[in-house]
Amino acid sequence: MSAAWLSVPAASLALGLVAANPDAAALTQLGLAGNWAVDCSQAISDTNPNVTFDATGDQAPQYIERGPNGAAGNAALSGVHALANGKVAITFTIVNNFGGQNTKIVMNNVLMKDGNRFRFLEAKSSDGQESISDGVQKSNGQQTKWLQKCGG
């Protein structure tokens, strides 16, 4: 009996791995894929948002934020890669429709990941405006919150 029958499943597996989105693979490898909250044991609220890094399928991974009234924001993710000292760079692309006009906002972010928790350290739009710098929100001067991984 020939071992040629092994080459078809192996080739199919290799094609499947190549087709996977590299940013989704990076999110998974870095341990960011999944659901996160300030406190996973508490209900979603204004002070306890739920975020998901959705890395399923071959499409660009998504960042989905939910508040007490449901979906609060969504962004396509790209450029996911590890930096030194537990930091991760991720580009968020947000497309909104205001009055029939699509607007696109590109945010370059740096997160700090420490085990099963993360927080935003930097957030800068493509036009250079910073909303977070050194882990401090420009809007209120407060430190960004650590979010913990929910469900493993």
N, C-alpha and C. Protein backbone atom coordinates (compact mmCIF):
# COMPACT_ATOMS: atom_id res chain seq x y z
N MET A 1 0.84 -1.19 0.00
CA MET A 1 0.00 0.00 0.00
C MET A 1 0.88 1.25 0.00
N SER A 2 0.49 2.20 -0.81
CA SER A 2 1.28 3.43 -0.96
C SER A 2 0.93 4.43 0.14
N ALA A 3 1.89 5.26 0.48
CA ALA A 3 1.64 6.31 1.47
C ALA A 3 1.11 7.57 0.81
N ALA A 4 0.79 7.50 -0.48
CA ALA A 4 0.31 8.68 -1.21
C ALA A 4 -1.00 9.21 -0.64
N TRP A 5 -1.81 8.35 -0.05
CA TRP A 5 -3.09 8.81 0.50
C TRP A 5 -2.88 9.82 1.62
N LEU A 6 -1.71 9.82 2.25
CA LEU A 6 -1.41 10.78 3.31
C LEU A 6 -1.22 12.19 2.75
N SER A 7 -0.78 12.30 1.51
CA SER A 7 -0.47 13.61 0.97
C SER A 7 -1.70 14.48 0.76
N VAL A 8 -2.85 13.88 0.45
CA VAL A 8 -4.06 14.69 0.23
C VAL A 8 -4.53 15.36 1.52
N PRO A 9 -4.71 14.60 2.64
CA PRO A 9 -5.11 15.30 3.88
C PRO A 9 -4.06 16.29 4.36
N ALA A 10 -2.78 15.94 4.21
CA ALA A 10 -1.74 16.85 4.66
C ALA A 10 -1.75 18.14 3.85
N ALA A 11 -1.95 18.02 2.54
CA ALA A 11 -2.01 19.21 1.69
C ALA A 11 -3.23 20.04 2.04
N SER A 12 -4.35 19.40 2.32
CA SER A 12 -5.56 20.14 2.71
C SER A 12 -5.34 20.88 4.02
N LEU A 13 -4.69 20.24 4.97
CA LEU A 13 -4.41 20.87 6.25
C LEU A 13 -3.48 22.06 6.04
N ALA A 14 -2.44 21.89 5.24
CA ALA A 14 -1.51 22.98 4.98
C ALA A 14 -2.22 24.16 4.33
N LEU A 15 -3.10 23.90 3.36
CA LEU A 15 -3.85 24.98 2.72
C LEU A 15 -4.73 25.70 3.73
N GLY A 16 -5.35 24.95 4.64
CA GLY A 16 -6.20 25.55 5.66
C GLY A 16 -5.41 26.46 6.58
N LEU A 17 -4.19 26.05 6.92
CA LEU A 17 -3.38 26.87 7.80
C LEU A 17 -2.89 28.13 7.10
N VAL A 18 -2.55 28.02 5.83
CA VAL A 18 -2.09 29.17 5.07
C VAL A 18 -3.22 30.18 4.89
N ALA A 19 -4.47 29.69 4.71
CA ALA A 19 -5.60 30.56 4.43
C ALA A 19 -6.04 31.35 5.66
N ALA A 20 -5.69 30.88 6.87
CA ALA A 20 -6.12 31.57 8.09
C ALA A 20 -5.54 32.99 8.11
N ASN A 21 -6.31 33.93 8.61
CA ASN A 21 -5.87 35.33 8.68
C ASN A 21 -4.69 35.44 9.64
N PRO A 22 -3.57 36.05 9.22
CA PRO A 22 -2.40 36.14 10.10
C PRO A 22 -2.65 36.98 11.35
N ASP A 23 -3.52 37.99 11.27
CA ASP A 23 -3.81 38.79 12.46
C ASP A 23 -4.65 38.00 13.45
N ALA A 24 -5.56 37.17 12.95
CA ALA A 24 -6.34 36.30 13.83
C ALA A 24 -5.42 35.29 14.51
N ALA A 25 -4.48 34.74 13.73
CA ALA A 25 -3.53 33.79 14.30
C ALA A 25 -2.67 34.46 15.38
N ALA A 26 -2.24 35.70 15.13
CA ALA A 26 -1.43 36.43 16.12
C ALA A 26 -2.23 36.70 17.39
N LEU A 27 -3.50 37.11 17.24
CA LEU A 27 -4.34 37.35 18.43
C LEU A 27 -4.45 36.09 19.28
N THR A 28 -4.66 34.96 18.59
CA THR A 28 -4.79 33.69 19.30
C THR A 28 -3.47 33.33 19.97
N GLN A 29 -2.37 33.42 19.24
CA GLN A 29 -1.06 33.08 19.77
C GLN A 29 -0.68 33.96 20.97
N LEU A 30 -1.06 35.23 20.92
CA LEU A 30 -0.75 36.15 22.02
C LEU A 30 -1.72 36.04 23.19
N GLY A 31 -2.73 35.17 23.06
CA GLY A 31 -3.68 34.96 24.15
C GLY A 31 -4.74 36.03 24.29
N LEU A 32 -4.96 36.82 23.24
CA LEU A 32 -5.96 37.90 23.32
C LEU A 32 -7.33 37.48 22.80
N ALA A 33 -7.41 36.44 21.97
CA ALA A 33 -8.70 36.02 21.43
C ALA A 33 -9.63 35.61 22.57
N GLY A 34 -10.87 36.08 22.52
CA GLY A 34 -11.85 35.73 23.54
C GLY A 34 -12.51 36.95 24.15
N ASN A 35 -13.19 36.73 25.28
CA ASN A 35 -13.98 37.77 25.97
C ASN A 35 -13.22 38.30 27.18
N TRP A 36 -13.37 39.61 27.41
CA TRP A 36 -12.66 40.31 28.48
C TRP A 36 -13.61 41.29 29.18
N ALA A 37 -13.39 41.52 30.46
CA ALA A 37 -14.17 42.50 31.23
C ALA A 37 -13.33 42.97 32.41
N VAL A 38 -13.72 44.10 33.00
CA VAL A 38 -13.06 44.57 34.21
C VAL A 38 -13.25 43.53 35.31
N ASP A 39 -14.49 43.02 35.43
CA ASP A 39 -14.82 41.98 36.41
C ASP A 39 -15.76 40.98 35.74
N CYS A 40 -15.24 39.83 35.40
CA CYS A 40 -16.02 38.81 34.68
C CYS A 40 -17.20 38.26 35.50
N SER A 41 -17.14 38.39 36.81
CA SER A 41 -18.21 37.85 37.65
C SER A 41 -19.39 38.80 37.77
N GLN A 42 -19.24 40.03 37.26
CA GLN A 42 -20.29 41.03 37.35
C GLN A 42 -20.96 41.24 35.99
N ALA A 43 -22.19 41.77 36.03
CA ALA A 43 -22.93 42.06 34.80
C ALA A 43 -22.26 43.20 34.03
N ILE A 44 -22.49 43.21 32.73
CA ILE A 44 -22.00 44.30 31.89
C ILE A 44 -22.66 45.60 32.35
N SER A 45 -21.84 46.65 32.47
CA SER A 45 -22.36 47.96 32.89
C SER A 45 -21.45 49.03 32.29
N ASP A 46 -21.78 50.29 32.55
CA ASP A 46 -20.93 51.38 32.06
C ASP A 46 -19.52 51.29 32.64
N THR A 47 -19.41 50.79 33.86
CA THR A 47 -18.10 50.67 34.50
C THR A 47 -17.49 49.28 34.32
N ASN A 48 -18.24 48.37 33.70
CA ASN A 48 -17.76 47.00 33.46
C ASN A 48 -18.10 46.57 32.04
N PRO A 49 -17.50 47.24 31.04
CA PRO A 49 -17.79 46.84 29.66
C PRO A 49 -17.24 45.46 29.36
N ASN A 50 -17.78 44.84 28.34
CA ASN A 50 -17.31 43.54 27.87
C ASN A 50 -16.72 43.77 26.49
N VAL A 51 -15.52 43.27 26.27
CA VAL A 51 -14.92 43.36 24.94
C VAL A 51 -14.55 41.96 24.47
N THR A 52 -14.63 41.79 23.16
CA THR A 52 -14.28 40.51 22.54
C THR A 52 -13.28 40.77 21.43
N PHE A 53 -12.22 39.99 21.44
CA PHE A 53 -11.32 39.91 20.30
C PHE A 53 -11.75 38.65 19.56
N ASP A 54 -12.49 38.83 18.46
CA ASP A 54 -13.02 37.71 17.68
C ASP A 54 -12.04 37.35 16.59
N ALA A 55 -11.40 36.20 16.75
CA ALA A 55 -10.37 35.77 15.81
C ALA A 55 -10.78 34.52 15.05
N THR A 56 -12.08 34.36 14.80
CA THR A 56 -12.56 33.17 14.11
C THR A 56 -12.63 33.40 12.61
N GLY A 57 -12.42 32.34 11.86
CA GLY A 57 -12.57 32.41 10.41
C GLY A 57 -11.39 33.04 9.70
N ASP A 58 -11.57 33.24 8.40
CA ASP A 58 -10.50 33.77 7.55
C ASP A 58 -10.59 35.28 7.37
N GLN A 59 -11.62 35.91 7.91
CA GLN A 59 -11.79 37.36 7.77
C GLN A 59 -10.89 38.08 8.77
N ALA A 60 -10.76 39.39 8.59
CA ALA A 60 -10.01 40.19 9.55
C ALA A 60 -10.64 40.02 10.93
N PRO A 61 -9.83 39.85 11.96
CA PRO A 61 -10.40 39.74 13.30
C PRO A 61 -11.10 41.03 13.69
N GLN A 62 -12.00 40.93 14.66
CA GLN A 62 -12.82 42.06 15.09
C GLN A 62 -12.63 42.33 16.58
N TYR A 63 -12.73 43.60 16.93
CA TYR A 63 -12.80 44.04 18.32
C TYR A 63 -14.24 44.48 18.51
N ILE A 64 -14.94 43.85 19.45
CA ILE A 64 -16.36 44.16 19.67
C ILE A 64 -16.52 44.58 21.13
N GLU A 65 -17.06 45.78 21.33
CA GLU A 65 -17.28 46.29 22.69
C GLU A 65 -18.77 46.32 22.97
N ARG A 66 -19.15 45.82 24.15
CA ARG A 66 -20.56 45.81 24.56
C ARG A 66 -20.71 46.53 25.89
N GLY A 67 -21.77 47.34 25.95
CA GLY A 67 -22.14 48.01 27.19
C GLY A 67 -23.49 47.49 27.65
N PRO A 68 -24.09 48.12 28.65
CA PRO A 68 -25.37 47.64 29.18
C PRO A 68 -26.51 47.68 28.16
N ASN A 69 -26.38 48.50 27.12
CA ASN A 69 -27.43 48.59 26.10
C ASN A 69 -27.09 47.81 24.83
N GLY A 70 -26.13 46.90 24.92
CA GLY A 70 -25.76 46.09 23.76
C GLY A 70 -24.47 46.57 23.12
N ALA A 71 -24.35 46.31 21.81
CA ALA A 71 -23.12 46.64 21.09
C ALA A 71 -22.82 48.13 21.21
N ALA A 72 -21.57 48.44 21.58
CA ALA A 72 -21.16 49.84 21.74
C ALA A 72 -20.10 50.24 20.71
N GLY A 73 -19.50 49.28 20.06
CA GLY A 73 -18.48 49.60 19.08
C GLY A 73 -17.90 48.36 18.45
N ASN A 74 -17.36 48.52 17.25
CA ASN A 74 -16.80 47.41 16.51
C ASN A 74 -15.66 47.95 15.65
N ALA A 75 -14.57 47.21 15.57
CA ALA A 75 -13.43 47.62 14.74
C ALA A 75 -12.79 46.40 14.10
N ALA A 76 -12.37 46.55 12.85
CA ALA A 76 -11.56 45.51 12.21
C ALA A 76 -10.13 45.68 12.71
N LEU A 77 -9.45 44.56 12.94
CA LEU A 77 -8.10 44.59 13.50
C LEU A 77 -7.07 44.19 12.46
N SER A 78 -5.93 44.84 12.51
CA SER A 78 -4.83 44.48 11.61
C SER A 78 -3.51 44.83 12.28
N GLY A 79 -2.43 44.40 11.68
CA GLY A 79 -1.10 44.74 12.19
C GLY A 79 -0.83 44.24 13.59
N VAL A 80 -1.42 43.10 13.96
CA VAL A 80 -1.27 42.57 15.31
C VAL A 80 0.13 41.96 15.46
N HIS A 81 0.91 42.49 16.40
CA HIS A 81 2.21 41.90 16.66
C HIS A 81 2.71 42.24 18.06
N ALA A 82 3.54 41.34 18.57
CA ALA A 82 4.12 41.52 19.90
C ALA A 82 5.24 42.55 19.85
N LEU A 83 5.31 43.35 20.89
CA LEU A 83 6.41 44.28 21.11
C LEU A 83 7.17 43.79 22.35
N ALA A 84 8.16 44.50 22.77
CA ALA A 84 8.94 44.12 23.96
C ALA A 84 8.11 44.31 25.23
N ASN A 85 8.51 43.61 26.28
CA ASN A 85 7.98 43.79 27.64
C ASN A 85 6.48 43.59 27.76
N GLY A 86 5.91 42.60 27.06
CA GLY A 86 4.50 42.28 27.19
C GLY A 86 3.56 43.21 26.47
N LYS A 87 4.08 44.06 25.62
CA LYS A 87 3.24 45.00 24.88
C LYS A 87 2.83 44.38 23.54
N VAL A 88 1.66 44.79 23.06
CA VAL A 88 1.12 44.30 21.79
C VAL A 88 0.62 45.49 20.99
N ALA A 89 1.00 45.56 19.72
CA ALA A 89 0.53 46.62 18.82
C ALA A 89 -0.64 46.07 18.00
N ILE A 90 -1.71 46.86 17.90
CA ILE A 90 -2.89 46.48 17.10
C ILE A 90 -3.46 47.74 16.47
N THR A 91 -3.77 47.67 15.18
CA THR A 91 -4.44 48.77 14.49
C THR A 91 -5.93 48.47 14.43
N PHE A 92 -6.75 49.42 14.89
CA PHE A 92 -8.21 49.31 14.84
C PHE A 92 -8.70 50.19 13.70
N THR A 93 -9.56 49.64 12.83
CA THR A 93 -10.18 50.44 11.78
C THR A 93 -11.68 50.44 12.02
N ILE A 94 -12.21 51.62 12.25
CA ILE A 94 -13.63 51.79 12.58
C ILE A 94 -14.30 52.52 11.43
N VAL A 95 -15.39 51.96 10.92
CA VAL A 95 -16.15 52.62 9.85
C VAL A 95 -17.53 52.93 10.40
N ASN A 96 -17.90 54.20 10.37
CA ASN A 96 -19.22 54.65 10.85
C ASN A 96 -19.95 55.32 9.70
N ASN A 97 -21.26 55.29 9.78
CA ASN A 97 -22.09 55.96 8.78
C ASN A 97 -22.83 57.09 9.48
N PHE A 98 -22.47 58.32 9.13
CA PHE A 98 -23.13 59.50 9.68
C PHE A 98 -23.84 60.22 8.55
N GLY A 99 -25.15 60.28 8.61
CA GLY A 99 -25.92 61.00 7.59
C GLY A 99 -25.69 60.50 6.18
N GLY A 100 -25.53 59.18 6.04
CA GLY A 100 -25.33 58.60 4.72
C GLY A 100 -23.89 58.64 4.24
N GLN A 101 -22.99 59.19 5.02
CA GLN A 101 -21.57 59.26 4.65
C GLN A 101 -20.76 58.32 5.54
N ASN A 102 -19.97 57.47 4.91
CA ASN A 102 -19.08 56.61 5.68
C ASN A 102 -17.84 57.38 6.09
N THR A 103 -17.49 57.26 7.35
CA THR A 103 -16.23 57.81 7.83
C THR A 103 -15.39 56.68 8.37
N LYS A 104 -14.10 56.74 8.10
CA LYS A 104 -13.19 55.70 8.55
C LYS A 104 -12.19 56.32 9.51
N ILE A 105 -12.05 55.70 10.66
CA ILE A 105 -11.10 56.13 11.67
C ILE A 105 -10.11 54.99 11.88
N VAL A 106 -8.84 55.30 11.79
CA VAL A 106 -7.80 54.30 12.03
C VAL A 106 -7.07 54.68 13.31
N MET A 107 -7.05 53.74 14.25
CA MET A 107 -6.41 53.97 15.54
C MET A 107 -5.26 52.98 15.72
N ASN A 108 -4.08 53.51 16.01
CA ASN A 108 -2.92 52.67 16.32
C ASN A 108 -2.83 52.56 17.83
N ASN A 109 -2.91 51.32 18.31
CA ASN A 109 -2.98 51.07 19.74
C ASN A 109 -1.82 50.22 20.22
N VAL A 110 -1.44 50.45 21.47
CA VAL A 110 -0.50 49.57 22.15
C VAL A 110 -1.18 49.13 23.44
N LEU A 111 -1.22 47.82 23.63
CA LEU A 111 -1.79 47.24 24.84
C LEU A 111 -0.67 46.65 25.68
N MET A 112 -0.89 46.59 26.97
CA MET A 112 0.00 45.87 27.87
C MET A 112 -0.73 44.59 28.26
N LYS A 113 -0.13 43.45 28.01
CA LYS A 113 -0.74 42.18 28.40
C LYS A 113 0.10 41.58 29.50
N ASP A 114 -0.57 41.19 30.57
CA ASP A 114 0.09 40.61 31.73
C ASP A 114 -0.71 39.38 32.14
N GLY A 115 -0.30 38.20 31.66
CA GLY A 115 -1.05 36.98 31.95
C GLY A 115 -2.42 37.04 31.34
N ASN A 116 -3.45 36.88 32.17
CA ASN A 116 -4.84 36.90 31.70
C ASN A 116 -5.50 38.25 31.91
N ARG A 117 -4.75 39.31 31.74
CA ARG A 117 -5.33 40.65 31.80
C ARG A 117 -4.58 41.56 30.83
N PHE A 118 -5.28 42.64 30.39
CA PHE A 118 -4.65 43.63 29.52
C PHE A 118 -5.25 44.99 29.79
N ARG A 119 -4.53 46.02 29.34
CA ARG A 119 -5.03 47.39 29.38
C ARG A 119 -4.42 48.16 28.22
N PHE A 120 -5.09 49.22 27.83
CA PHE A 120 -4.58 50.08 26.76
C PHE A 120 -3.53 51.03 27.32
N LEU A 121 -2.38 51.11 26.63
CA LEU A 121 -1.32 52.06 27.01
C LEU A 121 -1.29 53.27 26.08
N GLU A 122 -1.53 53.03 24.79
CA GLU A 122 -1.47 54.10 23.80
C GLU A 122 -2.63 53.93 22.82
N ALA A 123 -3.21 55.02 22.39
CA ALA A 123 -4.21 55.02 21.33
C ALA A 123 -4.06 56.34 20.58
N LYS A 124 -3.67 56.21 19.30
CA LYS A 124 -3.42 57.41 18.49
C LYS A 124 -4.10 57.22 17.14
N SER A 125 -4.89 58.21 16.72
CA SER A 125 -5.56 58.15 15.42
C SER A 125 -4.55 58.43 14.31
N SER A 126 -4.93 58.08 13.09
CA SER A 126 -4.03 58.26 11.96
C SER A 126 -3.70 59.74 11.71
N ASP A 127 -4.52 60.64 12.24
CA ASP A 127 -4.19 62.07 12.10
C ASP A 127 -3.33 62.60 13.25
N GLY A 128 -2.88 61.69 14.12
CA GLY A 128 -1.94 62.05 15.18
C GLY A 128 -2.55 62.40 16.52
N GLN A 129 -3.89 62.39 16.63
CA GLN A 129 -4.53 62.72 17.91
C GLN A 129 -4.47 61.52 18.86
N GLU A 130 -3.97 61.79 20.07
CA GLU A 130 -3.87 60.75 21.08
C GLU A 130 -5.08 60.81 22.00
N SER A 131 -5.70 59.64 22.21
CA SER A 131 -6.77 59.57 23.22
C SER A 131 -6.27 58.88 24.48
N ILE A 132 -5.19 58.10 24.35
CA ILE A 132 -4.56 57.46 25.51
C ILE A 132 -3.05 57.59 25.33
N SER A 133 -2.37 58.01 26.38
CA SER A 133 -0.91 58.12 26.35
C SER A 133 -0.35 57.63 27.69
N ASP A 134 0.63 56.74 27.63
CA ASP A 134 1.24 56.17 28.84
C ASP A 134 0.19 55.58 29.78
N GLY A 135 -0.88 55.01 29.21
CA GLY A 135 -1.92 54.37 30.03
C GLY A 135 -2.89 55.33 30.67
N VAL A 136 -2.85 56.61 30.28
CA VAL A 136 -3.75 57.62 30.85
C VAL A 136 -4.68 58.14 29.76
N GLN A 137 -5.99 58.15 30.06
CA GLN A 137 -6.98 58.66 29.12
C GLN A 137 -6.91 60.18 29.09
N LYS A 138 -6.78 60.72 27.89
CA LYS A 138 -6.69 62.18 27.74
C LYS A 138 -7.99 62.87 28.15
N SER A 139 -9.13 62.21 27.96
CA SER A 139 -10.43 62.83 28.23
C SER A 139 -10.67 63.11 29.71
N ASN A 140 -10.10 62.26 30.60
CA ASN A 140 -10.40 62.44 32.02
C ASN A 140 -9.17 62.35 32.93
N GLY A 141 -7.99 62.09 32.36
CA GLY A 141 -6.78 62.02 33.16
C GLY A 141 -6.65 60.76 34.01
N GLN A 142 -7.53 59.79 33.80
CA GLN A 142 -7.49 58.57 34.61
C GLN A 142 -6.74 57.45 33.89
N GLN A 143 -6.16 56.56 34.70
CA GLN A 143 -5.50 55.37 34.17
C GLN A 143 -6.52 54.49 33.46
N THR A 144 -6.11 53.84 32.37
CA THR A 144 -6.98 52.86 31.74
C THR A 144 -7.13 51.66 32.66
N LYS A 145 -8.26 50.99 32.55
CA LYS A 145 -8.54 49.85 33.44
C LYS A 145 -7.97 48.57 32.87
N TRP A 146 -7.58 47.70 33.79
CA TRP A 146 -7.19 46.34 33.40
C TRP A 146 -8.46 45.56 33.13
N LEU A 147 -8.47 44.80 32.06
CA LEU A 147 -9.55 43.88 31.75
C LEU A 147 -9.01 42.46 31.91
N GLN A 148 -9.81 41.60 32.51
CA GLN A 148 -9.40 40.22 32.71
C GLN A 148 -10.10 39.30 31.71
N LYS A 149 -9.45 38.21 31.37
CA LYS A 149 -10.02 37.25 30.43
C LYS A 149 -11.12 36.46 31.11
N CYS A 150 -12.26 36.39 30.46
CA CYS A 150 -13.41 35.68 31.01
C CYS A 150 -13.51 34.28 30.41
N GLY A 151 -13.76 33.30 31.23
CA GLY A 151 -13.97 31.95 30.74
C GLY A 151 -12.73 31.24 30.26
N GLY A 152 -11.60 31.57 30.82
CA GLY A 152 -10.38 30.83 30.49
C GLY A 152 -9.49 31.58 29.68
